[in-house]
């Protein structure tokens, strides 16, 4: 099936007389006839459900759809994108280990890595996504366990060179983890360029309607954990909390990563989405291919308008031919990048704040990447915890406006921008 069809059909195929839509299994608990039957589930000897904190049929159906869309072997849903990124890293790293991450990642993810996970004893080195191969090589340490980046950085809109980073990561025997939230699997499938694990904040384009917070992790199933078993003991040596199971031996490369994340991390930390949220997420995914095309078409027109407006000091959008990431976008995102644009208003931070006061259609919101046009000043909101130096290193200017173009009529969006920009300069 092609991507548009997978959005509708993947993950759940009803049998004769069954519900056409995925069923909402709104239950915490599942009944079994004997203790032996349930015991097999606890020993990971049989497939099934016994408690929604670990797995739930509704959640698994939607996860299977995302695995199909990304071209992965297994997937799991989490309660948020932050939980997905935390689980993806923590599943293979522990105190004393080291991770390499791009400087140009979402501010919340940067804080998760640079503050919270450092407190857990995991070290991070942040590298410029435009660094040379020599600079990237120099960031590796004997205890490095993964490399992390975003397909399209939020909000810097830097296009990540997936293939190059994957090649270097694999040279050092570690996986590349890519957050594919902004591109979505409609515009980019990182596994095709060498990435090993993909994460999403499903709250954004996948849901698309401000309805549900959620996240997802998808495994390519292609990374050979046993070839580097000294680096990944959690996957390649017996887990005493599950009667000595070795995940890679039991489930193979295709399912070991997601099974461990479910059996250990979801069991102990419980960041599971509610089945109702997963049902709503599925409704969003069904229209994803149609919506993302409209987002990109609108954003391209808005970016071209902003580029020609005298009140705008700069525009960052990978679809513009003079954008520094245009060539990379043509490689990884030939059908469109996303609906988010970053730009500066003449007058600096004060000009940006004045511009936002006069918007009428676009709403000021912390959210991004949904059907409504939204606007945000990252330096005073999502990236507020970062210093000016950290902001600049991440490609976020203090005067940057993050403008998320919705699927309204593009002429209405441009008219709103035009009047607000004009008033910002008075």
Protein backbone atom coordinates (compact mmCIF):
# COMPACT_ATOMS: atom_id res chain seq x y z
CA UNK A 1 0.00 0.00 0.00
CA UNK A 2 1.08 3.56 -0.65
CA UNK A 3 1.30 6.08 2.18
CA UNK A 4 -2.12 7.65 1.59
CA UNK A 5 -3.72 4.22 1.75
CA UNK A 6 -1.76 3.18 4.83
CA UNK A 7 -3.11 6.25 6.67
CA UNK A 8 -6.56 4.73 6.27
CA UNK A 9 -6.03 0.98 6.16
CA UNK A 10 -2.89 -0.01 8.09
CA UNK A 11 -2.89 -1.36 11.63
CA UNK A 12 -6.39 -2.81 11.75
CA UNK A 13 -8.32 -4.99 9.33
CA UNK A 14 -11.82 -5.86 10.61
CA UNK A 15 -13.12 -9.35 10.09
CA UNK A 16 -16.62 -10.27 8.99
CA UNK A 17 -19.17 -8.37 11.07
CA UNK A 18 -16.56 -6.48 13.15
CA UNK A 19 -16.39 -2.74 13.79
CA UNK A 20 -15.17 -0.76 10.78
CA UNK A 21 -13.32 1.70 13.02
CA UNK A 22 -10.72 0.49 15.49
CA UNK A 23 -12.46 -0.47 18.72
CA UNK A 24 -11.86 1.57 21.86
CA UNK A 25 -10.88 -0.97 24.50
CA UNK A 26 -11.39 1.36 27.44
CA UNK A 27 -10.36 -1.13 30.09
CA UNK A 28 -7.46 -1.35 32.48
CA UNK A 29 -7.81 -5.09 32.99
CA UNK A 30 -8.17 -8.31 30.99
CA UNK A 31 -9.64 -11.61 32.24
CA UNK A 32 -7.99 -15.04 31.96
CA UNK A 33 -9.27 -18.52 32.71
CA UNK A 34 -6.22 -19.76 34.62
CA UNK A 35 -3.19 -18.44 36.46
CA UNK A 36 -1.04 -20.43 34.03
CA UNK A 37 -2.44 -18.47 31.09
CA UNK A 38 -1.64 -15.16 32.76
CA UNK A 39 1.75 -16.43 33.92
CA UNK A 40 2.81 -16.97 30.32
CA UNK A 41 2.18 -13.29 29.64
CA UNK A 42 4.28 -12.20 32.61
CA UNK A 43 7.09 -14.48 31.39
CA UNK A 44 6.83 -13.01 27.86
CA UNK A 45 6.12 -16.52 26.63
CA UNK A 46 2.79 -15.60 25.04
CA UNK A 47 1.23 -12.55 23.39
CA UNK A 48 -1.80 -10.87 24.89
CA UNK A 49 -3.01 -8.24 27.29
CA UNK A 50 -3.25 -8.21 31.03
CA UNK A 51 -2.92 -4.55 32.08
CA UNK A 52 -3.20 -1.38 30.00
CA UNK A 53 -0.14 0.20 31.64
CA UNK A 54 1.90 -2.15 29.49
CA UNK A 55 -0.22 -2.70 26.41
CA UNK A 56 -3.74 -2.16 25.14
CA UNK A 57 -5.35 -3.38 21.89
CA UNK A 58 -6.43 0.10 20.75
CA UNK A 59 -2.98 1.54 21.39
CA UNK A 60 -1.30 -1.34 19.59
CA UNK A 61 -3.49 -0.98 16.49
CA UNK A 62 -2.47 2.66 16.10
CA UNK A 63 1.16 1.83 16.82
CA UNK A 64 1.02 -0.80 14.06
CA UNK A 65 -0.27 1.85 11.65
CA UNK A 66 2.68 4.12 12.47
CA UNK A 67 5.11 1.23 12.04
CA UNK A 68 3.66 0.65 8.57
CA UNK A 69 3.85 4.34 7.67
CA UNK A 70 7.50 4.62 8.76
CA UNK A 71 8.47 1.24 7.33
CA UNK A 72 9.47 -0.12 10.73
CA UNK A 73 9.26 -3.54 12.33
CA UNK A 74 7.61 -2.58 15.64
CA UNK A 75 6.23 0.48 17.41
CA UNK A 76 4.76 1.68 20.68
CA UNK A 77 2.71 4.69 21.75
CA UNK A 78 3.57 6.86 24.74
CA UNK A 79 1.70 9.54 26.63
CA UNK A 80 3.72 12.39 25.05
CA UNK A 81 6.52 13.16 22.63
CA UNK A 82 8.77 13.90 25.60
CA UNK A 83 8.10 10.41 26.96
CA UNK A 84 8.89 8.93 23.54
CA UNK A 85 12.27 10.65 23.34
CA UNK A 86 13.08 9.76 26.94
CA UNK A 87 12.17 6.10 26.45
CA UNK A 88 14.04 5.87 23.15
CA UNK A 89 17.29 7.02 24.76
CA UNK A 90 16.86 5.48 28.21
CA UNK A 91 16.10 2.10 26.67
CA UNK A 92 19.77 1.78 25.65
CA UNK A 93 21.58 4.21 27.98
CA UNK A 94 22.07 4.24 31.73
CA UNK A 95 24.14 6.12 34.31
CA UNK A 96 27.70 6.41 33.06
CA UNK A 97 26.75 6.33 29.37
CA UNK A 98 27.02 9.06 26.75
CA UNK A 99 24.74 10.34 23.96
CA UNK A 100 25.49 12.68 21.05
CA UNK A 101 22.65 15.03 20.08
CA UNK A 102 22.17 17.86 17.63
CA UNK A 103 22.19 21.35 19.11
CA UNK A 104 19.16 22.18 16.98
CA UNK A 105 16.46 20.21 18.73
CA UNK A 106 13.22 21.28 20.37
CA UNK A 107 13.85 23.24 23.57
CA UNK A 108 11.91 20.77 25.70
CA UNK A 109 13.99 17.88 24.39
CA UNK A 110 17.19 19.86 24.97
CA UNK A 111 16.18 20.46 28.58
CA UNK A 112 15.23 16.77 29.00
CA UNK A 113 18.71 15.76 27.84
CA UNK A 114 20.82 18.58 29.22
CA UNK A 115 19.23 18.80 32.68
CA UNK A 116 16.96 15.92 33.68
CA UNK A 117 18.84 13.03 32.11
CA UNK A 118 22.20 14.45 33.19
CA UNK A 119 20.88 14.21 36.75
CA UNK A 120 20.33 10.53 36.04
CA UNK A 121 24.03 10.17 35.23
CA UNK A 122 23.82 10.15 31.42
CA UNK A 123 26.27 12.50 29.70
CA UNK A 124 25.40 14.44 26.53
CA UNK A 125 27.52 16.14 23.90
CA UNK A 126 25.66 18.56 21.63
CA UNK A 127 27.02 19.01 18.11
CA UNK A 128 26.12 21.50 15.43
CA UNK A 129 24.13 19.66 12.73
CA UNK A 130 26.33 21.43 10.17
CA UNK A 131 29.53 20.16 11.78
CA UNK A 132 32.14 18.41 9.69
CA UNK A 133 32.55 14.66 9.84
CA UNK A 134 35.80 15.23 11.72
CA UNK A 135 34.01 17.30 14.36
CA UNK A 136 31.29 14.67 14.64
CA UNK A 137 33.85 11.88 14.98
CA UNK A 138 35.57 13.82 17.77
CA UNK A 139 32.33 13.85 19.82
CA UNK A 140 32.28 10.06 20.20
CA UNK A 141 33.50 8.40 23.38
CA UNK A 142 33.97 4.74 24.29
CA UNK A 143 30.67 4.91 26.25
CA UNK A 144 28.61 6.59 23.49
CA UNK A 145 25.35 4.70 22.98
CA UNK A 146 23.39 6.69 20.35
CA UNK A 147 23.17 9.78 18.15
CA UNK A 148 19.99 11.90 18.18
CA UNK A 149 18.61 14.53 15.79
CA UNK A 150 15.39 15.99 14.33
CA UNK A 151 14.48 15.64 10.64
CA UNK A 152 13.41 19.29 10.66
CA UNK A 153 14.50 21.16 13.77
CA UNK A 154 11.83 22.88 15.86
CA UNK A 155 11.86 25.89 15.46
CA UNK A 156 15.16 26.52 13.63
CA UNK A 157 13.97 24.50 10.59
CA UNK A 158 17.42 23.05 10.05
CA UNK A 159 17.22 19.96 7.84
CA UNK A 160 19.18 17.12 9.45
CA UNK A 161 21.58 15.24 7.17
CA UNK A 162 20.24 11.82 8.16
CA UNK A 163 22.39 9.71 5.88
CA UNK A 164 25.65 11.37 6.92
CA UNK A 165 24.93 11.12 10.65
CA UNK A 166 23.76 7.52 10.25
CA UNK A 167 26.96 6.53 8.48
CA UNK A 168 29.13 7.97 11.24
CA UNK A 169 26.94 6.52 14.01
CA UNK A 170 27.12 3.05 12.45
CA UNK A 171 30.87 3.35 12.04
CA UNK A 172 31.00 3.65 15.84
CA UNK A 173 28.52 0.82 16.39
CA UNK A 174 25.60 2.89 17.70
CA UNK A 175 22.09 3.63 16.37
CA UNK A 176 20.79 6.92 15.00
CA UNK A 177 17.55 8.12 16.61
CA UNK A 178 15.57 10.67 14.58
CA UNK A 179 12.59 12.71 15.77
CA UNK A 180 10.41 12.88 12.64
CA UNK A 181 7.61 15.02 14.10
CA UNK A 182 7.68 17.94 11.66
CA UNK A 183 8.26 16.00 8.46
CA UNK A 184 5.90 13.11 9.30
CA UNK A 185 6.26 9.81 7.40
CA UNK A 186 4.36 11.40 4.52
CA UNK A 187 7.27 13.71 3.65
CA UNK A 188 10.24 11.71 4.99
CA UNK A 189 10.91 8.16 6.13
CA UNK A 190 14.25 8.34 8.01
CA UNK A 191 14.74 4.55 7.92
CA UNK A 192 15.26 4.80 4.16
CA UNK A 193 18.28 7.02 4.85
CA UNK A 194 19.88 4.85 7.52
CA UNK A 195 18.17 5.92 10.74
CA UNK A 196 17.49 3.10 13.20
CA UNK A 197 14.82 4.45 15.55
CA UNK A 198 12.20 7.13 14.87
CA UNK A 199 10.23 9.10 17.44
CA UNK A 200 7.22 11.40 17.13
CA UNK A 201 5.30 13.88 19.14
CA UNK A 202 1.98 12.62 17.81
CA UNK A 203 0.44 15.73 19.37
CA UNK A 204 1.50 17.64 16.26
CA UNK A 205 0.67 16.80 12.63
CA UNK A 206 -0.25 13.17 13.28
CA UNK A 207 -3.17 14.23 15.50
CA UNK A 208 -3.49 17.58 13.77
CA UNK A 209 -6.49 18.92 15.70
CA UNK A 210 -5.31 19.99 19.18
CA UNK A 211 -7.18 17.01 20.60
CA UNK A 212 -4.62 14.64 22.14
CA UNK A 213 -1.13 14.70 23.62
CA UNK A 214 0.93 11.67 22.67
CA UNK A 215 4.15 10.21 21.38
CA UNK A 216 5.45 7.22 19.47
CA UNK A 217 8.61 5.18 19.02
CA UNK A 218 9.18 3.11 15.89
CA UNK A 219 12.07 0.68 15.44
CA UNK A 220 13.49 -0.10 12.00
CA UNK A 221 14.40 -3.60 13.16
CA UNK A 222 17.64 -3.33 11.19
CA UNK A 223 20.23 -2.40 13.81
CA UNK A 224 22.35 -5.41 14.76
CA UNK A 225 22.45 -5.16 18.55
CA UNK A 226 24.39 -8.39 19.02
CA UNK A 227 27.17 -7.17 16.76
CA UNK A 228 27.84 -4.56 19.46
CA UNK A 229 26.58 -6.49 22.48
CA UNK A 230 29.18 -5.02 24.82
CA UNK A 231 27.55 -1.61 24.28
CA UNK A 232 23.97 -2.78 24.83
CA UNK A 233 23.83 -5.23 27.75
CA UNK A 234 20.18 -4.39 28.43
CA UNK A 235 19.22 -5.92 25.10
CA UNK A 236 21.94 -8.54 24.74
CA UNK A 237 22.29 -10.06 28.22
CA UNK A 238 19.69 -11.75 30.45
CA UNK A 239 17.08 -9.55 32.12
CA UNK A 240 16.64 -10.95 35.61
CA UNK A 241 13.39 -9.01 36.07
CA UNK A 242 11.93 -11.25 33.34
CA UNK A 243 13.37 -14.61 34.36
CA UNK A 244 16.61 -14.20 32.45
CA UNK A 245 15.20 -13.42 29.00
CA UNK A 246 17.72 -11.96 26.56
CA UNK A 247 15.61 -9.67 24.39
CA UNK A 248 17.56 -9.94 21.14
CA UNK A 249 17.79 -13.72 21.37
CA UNK A 250 14.09 -14.06 22.21
CA UNK A 251 12.58 -11.45 19.88
CA UNK A 252 15.27 -10.78 17.27
CA UNK A 253 16.40 -7.37 16.03
CA UNK A 254 12.90 -6.71 14.71
CA UNK A 255 11.12 -6.64 18.10
CA UNK A 256 13.79 -6.57 20.83
CA UNK A 257 13.98 -2.78 21.25
CA UNK A 258 10.22 -2.16 21.50
CA UNK A 259 9.63 -5.26 23.66
CA UNK A 260 12.24 -4.10 26.17
CA UNK A 261 10.86 -0.55 26.19
CA UNK A 262 7.41 -1.95 26.91
CA UNK A 263 8.34 -4.68 29.38
CA UNK A 264 10.74 -2.55 31.39
CA UNK A 265 10.14 1.17 30.90
CA UNK A 266 6.38 1.21 30.39
CA UNK A 267 6.00 -1.31 33.20
CA UNK A 268 8.00 0.85 35.63
CA UNK A 269 7.25 4.40 34.44
CA UNK A 270 3.76 4.00 33.02
CA UNK A 271 3.72 6.73 30.34
CA UNK A 272 0.92 5.05 28.41
CA UNK A 273 -1.74 6.92 26.40
CA UNK A 274 -5.39 6.32 27.13
CA UNK A 275 -7.18 4.15 24.54
CA UNK A 276 -9.55 7.05 23.85
CA UNK A 277 -6.61 9.30 22.99
CA UNK A 278 -5.23 6.65 20.65
CA UNK A 279 -8.62 6.39 18.94
CA UNK A 280 -8.62 10.16 18.37
CA UNK A 281 -5.03 10.01 17.14
CA UNK A 282 -6.06 7.42 14.59
CA UNK A 283 -8.75 9.76 13.27
CA UNK A 284 -6.07 12.39 12.76
CA UNK A 285 -3.73 9.99 10.97
CA UNK A 286 -6.50 9.01 8.54
CA UNK A 287 -6.42 12.54 7.06
CA UNK A 288 -2.67 13.10 7.51
CA UNK A 289 -1.66 12.74 3.85
CA UNK A 290 -4.30 15.23 2.72
CA UNK A 291 -3.57 17.72 5.49
CA UNK A 292 0.22 17.71 5.23
CA UNK A 293 0.00 18.48 1.52
CA UNK A 294 -2.20 21.50 2.24
CA UNK A 295 0.08 22.62 5.08
CA UNK A 296 3.09 22.58 2.77
CA UNK A 297 1.30 24.33 -0.11
CA UNK A 298 0.09 27.09 2.22
CA UNK A 299 3.45 27.46 3.93
CA UNK A 300 5.31 27.80 0.64
CA UNK A 301 3.05 30.70 -0.40
CA UNK A 302 3.29 32.34 3.03
CA UNK A 303 7.10 32.01 3.04
CA UNK A 304 7.32 33.63 -0.40
CA UNK A 305 5.08 36.48 0.81
CA UNK A 306 7.20 37.04 3.91
CA UNK A 307 10.41 36.97 1.87
CA UNK A 308 9.16 39.92 -0.16
CA UNK A 309 7.71 41.95 2.75
CA UNK A 310 9.80 45.00 3.77
CA UNK A 311 8.91 44.59 7.47
CA UNK A 312 10.54 41.14 7.60
CA UNK A 313 14.27 40.92 8.32
CA UNK A 314 14.76 37.25 7.40
CA UNK A 315 12.77 34.10 6.56
CA UNK A 316 13.77 30.50 7.24
CA UNK A 317 11.91 27.84 5.31
CA UNK A 318 13.48 24.85 3.54
CA UNK A 319 11.18 25.28 0.55
CA UNK A 320 12.70 28.64 -0.40
CA UNK A 321 15.40 28.36 -3.05
CA UNK A 322 17.78 30.69 -1.22
CA UNK A 323 17.37 28.86 2.10
CA UNK A 324 20.64 27.32 3.27
CA UNK A 325 18.94 23.93 3.67
CA UNK A 326 17.12 23.94 0.34
CA UNK A 327 19.43 21.32 -1.23
CA UNK A 328 19.17 18.99 1.76
CA UNK A 329 15.41 19.45 1.69
CA UNK A 330 15.35 18.45 -1.97
CA UNK A 331 17.19 15.26 -1.01
CA UNK A 332 15.18 14.24 2.05
CA UNK A 333 11.92 16.15 1.57
CA UNK A 334 11.27 16.47 -2.17
CA UNK A 335 7.49 16.56 -1.75
CA UNK A 336 7.48 19.32 0.88
CA UNK A 337 8.93 19.89 4.32
CA UNK A 338 6.34 21.11 6.81
CA UNK A 339 3.93 23.94 7.54
CA UNK A 340 6.18 25.81 9.99
CA UNK A 341 8.10 28.97 9.07
CA UNK A 342 10.56 30.96 11.18
CA UNK A 343 11.13 34.64 10.49
CA UNK A 344 12.24 37.89 12.10
CA UNK A 345 10.38 41.19 12.24
CA UNK A 346 12.31 44.43 11.86
CA UNK A 347 12.65 46.02 15.26
CA UNK A 348 14.06 42.95 16.99
CA UNK A 349 12.36 41.47 20.01
CA UNK A 350 10.16 44.56 20.44
CA UNK A 351 9.09 44.44 16.81
CA UNK A 352 8.23 40.76 17.14
CA UNK A 353 6.09 41.37 20.20
CA UNK A 354 4.30 44.29 18.53
CA UNK A 355 3.59 42.18 15.44
CA UNK A 356 2.01 39.42 17.51
CA UNK A 357 -0.32 41.88 19.23
CA UNK A 358 -2.02 42.71 15.95
CA UNK A 359 -2.66 39.23 14.57
CA UNK A 360 -6.36 38.37 14.28
CA UNK A 361 -6.59 34.98 12.55
CA UNK A 362 -3.38 33.44 13.84
CA UNK A 363 -3.56 32.56 17.51
CA UNK A 364 -0.74 32.90 20.03
CA UNK A 365 -0.27 29.38 21.38
CA UNK A 366 2.43 27.05 22.63
CA UNK A 367 1.22 24.48 20.16
CA UNK A 368 2.40 24.02 16.59
CA UNK A 369 1.73 21.85 13.55
CA UNK A 370 -2.04 21.49 13.53
CA UNK A 371 -4.99 22.60 11.41
CA UNK A 372 -5.11 26.08 12.94
CA UNK A 373 -2.58 28.81 12.17
CA UNK A 374 -0.56 29.43 15.34
CA UNK A 375 2.24 31.82 16.24
CA UNK A 376 4.85 31.82 18.99
CA UNK A 377 7.91 33.71 20.17
CA UNK A 378 10.17 30.76 21.18
CA UNK A 379 12.73 32.78 23.17
CA UNK A 380 10.05 33.81 25.66
CA UNK A 381 8.11 30.52 25.74
CA UNK A 382 9.19 27.04 24.55
CA UNK A 383 12.91 27.91 24.73
CA UNK A 384 12.65 30.24 27.73
CA UNK A 385 14.96 28.05 29.85
CA UNK A 386 17.84 28.44 27.38
CA UNK A 387 20.51 31.15 27.52
CA UNK A 388 21.03 33.47 24.54
CA UNK A 389 24.18 31.49 23.73
CA UNK A 390 22.24 28.21 23.79
CA UNK A 391 19.47 29.78 21.71
CA UNK A 392 21.90 30.90 19.02
CA UNK A 393 23.69 27.53 19.07
CA UNK A 394 20.33 25.90 18.44
CA UNK A 395 19.55 28.24 15.55
CA UNK A 396 16.97 30.26 17.50
CA UNK A 397 17.40 34.01 17.31
CA UNK A 398 15.98 36.01 20.24
CA UNK A 399 13.72 37.85 17.76
CA UNK A 400 12.52 34.70 15.96
CA UNK A 401 8.83 34.21 15.26
CA UNK A 402 7.66 30.62 14.80
CA UNK A 403 4.68 30.69 12.48
CA UNK A 404 2.74 27.45 12.03
CA UNK A 405 0.67 27.71 8.88
CA UNK A 406 -2.69 25.99 9.13
CA UNK A 407 -5.02 24.66 6.46
CA UNK A 408 -7.27 27.71 6.27
CA UNK A 409 -7.52 29.63 2.98
CA UNK A 410 -4.00 30.88 2.39
CA UNK A 411 -5.19 34.33 1.26
CA UNK A 412 -6.80 34.88 4.66
CA UNK A 413 -3.55 33.91 6.37
CA UNK A 414 -1.51 36.29 4.18
CA UNK A 415 -3.95 39.16 4.73
CA UNK A 416 -3.66 38.69 8.50
CA UNK A 417 0.13 38.68 8.30
CA UNK A 418 0.17 41.73 6.06
CA UNK A 419 -1.88 43.95 8.36
CA UNK A 420 0.00 42.84 11.49
CA UNK A 421 3.40 43.45 9.90
CA UNK A 422 2.34 46.90 8.72
CA UNK A 423 1.17 47.88 12.20
CA UNK A 424 4.34 46.52 13.82
CA UNK A 425 6.38 49.15 12.01
CA UNK A 426 4.30 52.19 12.99
